[in-house]
Amino acid sequence: MTERLLDILQYYGAVAGAGAALIVSLDLGRRPTGWAFVIFVTASVALIGWGFMNDEGEGIGAQNVVLLAINLIGVYRYLIRKKPVQGTAPA
């Protein structure tokens, strides 16, 4: 792979991850938080690619495989699953 592609993956992953973390920390509601998890997913995919294509990045790649699973749970919880109605037991 070219160094340019590796740089793009690395820096996109870093910037997207930081931006998504900012959105989550602002506590703007379910939909914005869900979209932040979508951004986290793209950051994880970029860092998985960077980690396994880079000679020294296997640890970051492996970590982001786990983070990808966690982020997909976040997408499901905030964008796909219906929020239970207040005061009722979950089905």
N, C-alpha and C. Protein backbone atom coordinates (compact mmCIF):
# COMPACT_ATOMS: atom_id res chain seq x y z
N MET A 1 0.83 -1.18 0.00
CA MET A 1 0.00 0.00 0.00
C MET A 1 0.88 1.24 0.00
N THR A 2 0.35 2.27 -0.53
CA THR A 2 1.13 3.50 -0.58
C THR A 2 1.11 4.19 0.78
N GLU A 3 2.16 4.93 1.03
CA GLU A 3 2.25 5.70 2.28
C GLU A 3 1.11 6.71 2.37
N ARG A 4 0.71 7.26 1.25
CA ARG A 4 -0.37 8.26 1.25
C ARG A 4 -1.67 7.65 1.75
N LEU A 5 -2.02 6.46 1.26
CA LEU A 5 -3.24 5.79 1.71
C LEU A 5 -3.16 5.49 3.21
N LEU A 6 -2.02 5.01 3.67
CA LEU A 6 -1.85 4.74 5.09
C LEU A 6 -2.02 6.00 5.92
N ASP A 7 -1.47 7.11 5.45
CA ASP A 7 -1.62 8.38 6.16
C ASP A 7 -3.09 8.81 6.21
N ILE A 8 -3.79 8.67 5.09
CA ILE A 8 -5.20 9.05 5.04
C ILE A 8 -6.01 8.21 6.03
N LEU A 9 -5.80 6.90 6.04
CA LEU A 9 -6.53 6.03 6.96
C LEU A 9 -6.22 6.38 8.41
N GLN A 10 -4.95 6.59 8.71
CA GLN A 10 -4.54 6.89 10.08
C GLN A 10 -5.15 8.19 10.57
N TYR A 11 -5.00 9.25 9.80
CA TYR A 11 -5.48 10.55 10.25
C TYR A 11 -7.00 10.67 10.20
N TYR A 12 -7.63 10.03 9.21
CA TYR A 12 -9.10 10.02 9.22
C TYR A 12 -9.61 9.33 10.47
N GLY A 13 -9.04 8.16 10.79
CA GLY A 13 -9.46 7.44 11.99
C GLY A 13 -9.30 8.27 13.24
N ALA A 14 -8.19 8.98 13.35
CA ALA A 14 -7.95 9.81 14.53
C ALA A 14 -8.92 10.98 14.62
N VAL A 15 -9.09 11.70 13.52
CA VAL A 15 -9.96 12.88 13.52
C VAL A 15 -11.42 12.47 13.68
N ALA A 16 -11.85 11.44 12.98
CA ALA A 16 -13.25 10.99 13.08
C ALA A 16 -13.55 10.47 14.48
N GLY A 17 -12.63 9.74 15.08
CA GLY A 17 -12.83 9.25 16.43
C GLY A 17 -12.95 10.38 17.43
N ALA A 18 -12.10 11.39 17.32
CA ALA A 18 -12.16 12.54 18.22
C ALA A 18 -13.45 13.32 18.01
N GLY A 19 -13.85 13.51 16.77
CA GLY A 19 -15.10 14.23 16.49
C GLY A 19 -16.31 13.50 17.03
N ALA A 20 -16.35 12.19 16.84
CA ALA A 20 -17.47 11.39 17.36
C ALA A 20 -17.50 11.44 18.89
N ALA A 21 -16.34 11.39 19.52
CA ALA A 21 -16.28 11.48 20.98
C ALA A 21 -16.82 12.83 21.46
N LEU A 22 -16.52 13.89 20.73
CA LEU A 22 -17.04 15.20 21.08
C LEU A 22 -18.56 15.22 21.00
N ILE A 23 -19.12 14.66 19.94
CA ILE A 23 -20.57 14.63 19.78
C ILE A 23 -21.22 13.86 20.93
N VAL A 24 -20.65 12.70 21.28
CA VAL A 24 -21.20 11.92 22.38
C VAL A 24 -21.11 12.70 23.69
N SER A 25 -19.98 13.38 23.92
CA SER A 25 -19.80 14.12 25.17
C SER A 25 -20.74 15.30 25.31
N LEU A 26 -21.23 15.84 24.20
CA LEU A 26 -22.15 16.97 24.25
C LEU A 26 -23.57 16.56 24.65
N ASP A 27 -23.85 15.26 24.64
CA ASP A 27 -25.16 14.73 25.05
C ASP A 27 -26.30 15.48 24.36
N LEU A 28 -26.28 15.44 23.03
CA LEU A 28 -27.26 16.17 22.22
C LEU A 28 -28.54 15.39 21.97
N GLY A 29 -28.63 14.18 22.48
CA GLY A 29 -29.83 13.36 22.28
C GLY A 29 -29.50 12.06 21.58
N ARG A 30 -30.54 11.23 21.44
CA ARG A 30 -30.36 9.89 20.87
C ARG A 30 -29.87 9.92 19.42
N ARG A 31 -30.50 10.69 18.56
CA ARG A 31 -30.12 10.66 17.14
C ARG A 31 -28.70 11.16 16.91
N PRO A 32 -28.32 12.32 17.46
CA PRO A 32 -26.93 12.74 17.26
C PRO A 32 -25.92 11.74 17.84
N THR A 33 -26.26 11.16 18.98
CA THR A 33 -25.37 10.15 19.56
C THR A 33 -25.28 8.93 18.64
N GLY A 34 -26.41 8.52 18.08
CA GLY A 34 -26.40 7.41 17.14
C GLY A 34 -25.54 7.69 15.92
N TRP A 35 -25.64 8.92 15.40
CA TRP A 35 -24.80 9.28 14.24
C TRP A 35 -23.33 9.37 14.64
N ALA A 36 -23.07 9.75 15.88
CA ALA A 36 -21.67 9.73 16.35
C ALA A 36 -21.14 8.31 16.33
N PHE A 37 -21.98 7.33 16.70
CA PHE A 37 -21.54 5.93 16.63
C PHE A 37 -21.30 5.49 15.19
N VAL A 38 -22.07 6.02 14.25
CA VAL A 38 -21.80 5.73 12.83
C VAL A 38 -20.41 6.26 12.46
N ILE A 39 -20.09 7.46 12.92
CA ILE A 39 -18.75 8.02 12.66
C ILE A 39 -17.69 7.17 13.32
N PHE A 40 -17.95 6.71 14.57
CA PHE A 40 -17.02 5.80 15.24
C PHE A 40 -16.79 4.53 14.40
N VAL A 41 -17.86 4.01 13.79
CA VAL A 41 -17.72 2.81 12.95
C VAL A 41 -16.77 3.09 11.79
N THR A 42 -16.94 4.23 11.12
CA THR A 42 -16.05 4.53 9.99
C THR A 42 -14.61 4.72 10.46
N ALA A 43 -14.44 5.32 11.65
CA ALA A 43 -13.09 5.49 12.19
C ALA A 43 -12.47 4.13 12.50
N SER A 44 -13.25 3.23 13.07
CA SER A 44 -12.74 1.89 13.38
C SER A 44 -12.35 1.14 12.11
N VAL A 45 -13.17 1.24 11.09
CA VAL A 45 -12.85 0.57 9.82
C VAL A 45 -11.54 1.13 9.25
N ALA A 46 -11.40 2.45 9.28
CA ALA A 46 -10.16 3.06 8.77
C ALA A 46 -8.95 2.60 9.57
N LEU A 47 -9.08 2.54 10.90
CA LEU A 47 -7.94 2.16 11.73
C LEU A 47 -7.66 0.66 11.68
N ILE A 48 -8.68 -0.15 11.40
CA ILE A 48 -8.44 -1.57 11.16
C ILE A 48 -7.61 -1.72 9.89
N GLY A 49 -8.02 -1.02 8.84
CA GLY A 49 -7.25 -1.07 7.58
C GLY A 49 -5.84 -0.59 7.79
N TRP A 50 -5.69 0.55 8.46
CA TRP A 50 -4.35 1.09 8.71
C TRP A 50 -3.53 0.12 9.55
N GLY A 51 -4.13 -0.42 10.58
CA GLY A 51 -3.39 -1.29 11.50
C GLY A 51 -2.86 -2.55 10.84
N PHE A 52 -3.67 -3.16 10.00
CA PHE A 52 -3.24 -4.41 9.40
C PHE A 52 -2.44 -4.24 8.11
N MET A 53 -2.46 -3.04 7.53
CA MET A 53 -1.62 -2.77 6.35
C MET A 53 -0.29 -2.16 6.74
N ASN A 54 -0.19 -1.72 7.98
CA ASN A 54 1.03 -1.07 8.47
C ASN A 54 1.86 -2.12 9.21
N ASP A 55 3.16 -2.11 9.03
CA ASP A 55 4.02 -3.09 9.67
C ASP A 55 4.01 -3.00 11.20
N GLU A 56 3.70 -1.84 11.74
CA GLU A 56 3.78 -1.66 13.19
C GLU A 56 2.42 -1.37 13.82
N GLY A 57 1.33 -1.66 13.13
CA GLY A 57 0.03 -1.25 13.63
C GLY A 57 -0.94 -2.37 13.98
N GLU A 58 -0.45 -3.59 14.13
CA GLU A 58 -1.36 -4.71 14.38
C GLU A 58 -2.15 -4.53 15.67
N GLY A 59 -1.54 -3.94 16.69
CA GLY A 59 -2.24 -3.73 17.96
C GLY A 59 -3.42 -2.78 17.80
N ILE A 60 -3.21 -1.71 17.07
CA ILE A 60 -4.30 -0.75 16.81
C ILE A 60 -5.38 -1.41 15.96
N GLY A 61 -4.97 -2.21 14.99
CA GLY A 61 -5.95 -2.92 14.17
C GLY A 61 -6.80 -3.87 15.00
N ALA A 62 -6.15 -4.64 15.87
CA ALA A 62 -6.88 -5.59 16.72
C ALA A 62 -7.80 -4.86 17.69
N GLN A 63 -7.32 -3.79 18.28
CA GLN A 63 -8.15 -3.00 19.20
C GLN A 63 -9.39 -2.48 18.48
N ASN A 64 -9.25 -2.05 17.26
CA ASN A 64 -10.37 -1.48 16.53
C ASN A 64 -11.34 -2.53 16.02
N VAL A 65 -10.92 -3.78 15.94
CA VAL A 65 -11.89 -4.86 15.66
C VAL A 65 -12.88 -4.93 16.82
N VAL A 66 -12.36 -4.87 18.05
CA VAL A 66 -13.22 -4.87 19.23
C VAL A 66 -14.07 -3.60 19.28
N LEU A 67 -13.44 -2.45 19.04
CA LEU A 67 -14.18 -1.19 19.07
C LEU A 67 -15.26 -1.15 17.99
N LEU A 68 -15.01 -1.78 16.85
CA LEU A 68 -16.03 -1.83 15.79
C LEU A 68 -17.27 -2.55 16.31
N ALA A 69 -17.08 -3.67 17.00
CA ALA A 69 -18.23 -4.39 17.56
C ALA A 69 -18.98 -3.52 18.57
N ILE A 70 -18.25 -2.84 19.44
CA ILE A 70 -18.87 -1.96 20.43
C ILE A 70 -19.63 -0.83 19.73
N ASN A 71 -19.03 -0.24 18.72
CA ASN A 71 -19.66 0.86 18.01
C ASN A 71 -20.91 0.41 17.25
N LEU A 72 -20.90 -0.80 16.73
CA LEU A 72 -22.09 -1.32 16.06
C LEU A 72 -23.24 -1.50 17.06
N ILE A 73 -22.90 -1.90 18.29
CA ILE A 73 -23.92 -1.97 19.34
C ILE A 73 -24.50 -0.58 19.59
N GLY A 74 -23.63 0.44 19.62
CA GLY A 74 -24.10 1.81 19.79
C GLY A 74 -25.02 2.25 18.67
N VAL A 75 -24.69 1.92 17.44
CA VAL A 75 -25.56 2.26 16.30
C VAL A 75 -26.92 1.60 16.49
N TYR A 76 -26.90 0.33 16.86
CA TYR A 76 -28.16 -0.39 17.07
C TYR A 76 -28.98 0.26 18.18
N ARG A 77 -28.36 0.52 19.31
CA ARG A 77 -29.08 1.06 20.47
C ARG A 77 -29.66 2.44 20.21
N TYR A 78 -28.92 3.29 19.52
CA TYR A 78 -29.34 4.68 19.37
C TYR A 78 -30.09 4.99 18.08
N LEU A 79 -29.88 4.20 17.03
CA LEU A 79 -30.54 4.51 15.76
C LEU A 79 -31.57 3.47 15.32
N ILE A 80 -31.42 2.23 15.74
CA ILE A 80 -32.30 1.18 15.23
C ILE A 80 -33.34 0.74 16.25
N ARG A 81 -32.90 0.43 17.46
CA ARG A 81 -33.81 -0.06 18.50
C ARG A 81 -34.74 1.06 18.95
N LYS A 82 -35.98 0.70 19.17
CA LYS A 82 -36.95 1.65 19.71
C LYS A 82 -36.68 1.84 21.20
N LYS A 83 -36.68 3.06 21.65
CA LYS A 83 -36.50 3.35 23.07
C LYS A 83 -37.74 2.93 23.83
N PRO A 84 -37.57 2.17 24.93
CA PRO A 84 -38.75 1.77 25.71
C PRO A 84 -39.49 2.99 26.25
N VAL A 85 -40.82 2.90 26.29
CA VAL A 85 -41.64 3.99 26.82
C VAL A 85 -41.39 4.09 28.32
N GLN A 86 -41.22 5.31 28.81
CA GLN A 86 -40.95 5.55 30.23
C GLN A 86 -42.03 4.93 31.10
N GLY A 87 -41.63 4.18 32.12
CA GLY A 87 -42.57 3.61 33.08
C GLY A 87 -43.10 2.24 32.71
N THR A 88 -42.66 1.67 31.59
CA THR A 88 -43.09 0.32 31.23
C THR A 88 -41.91 -0.61 31.26
N ALA A 89 -42.17 -1.85 31.53
CA ALA A 89 -41.11 -2.85 31.56
C ALA A 89 -40.76 -3.23 30.12
N PRO A 90 -39.46 -3.47 29.86
CA PRO A 90 -39.07 -3.90 28.50
C PRO A 90 -39.68 -5.25 28.17
N ALA A 91 -40.02 -5.45 26.91
CA ALA A 91 -40.64 -6.70 26.47
C ALA A 91 -39.63 -7.79 26.32
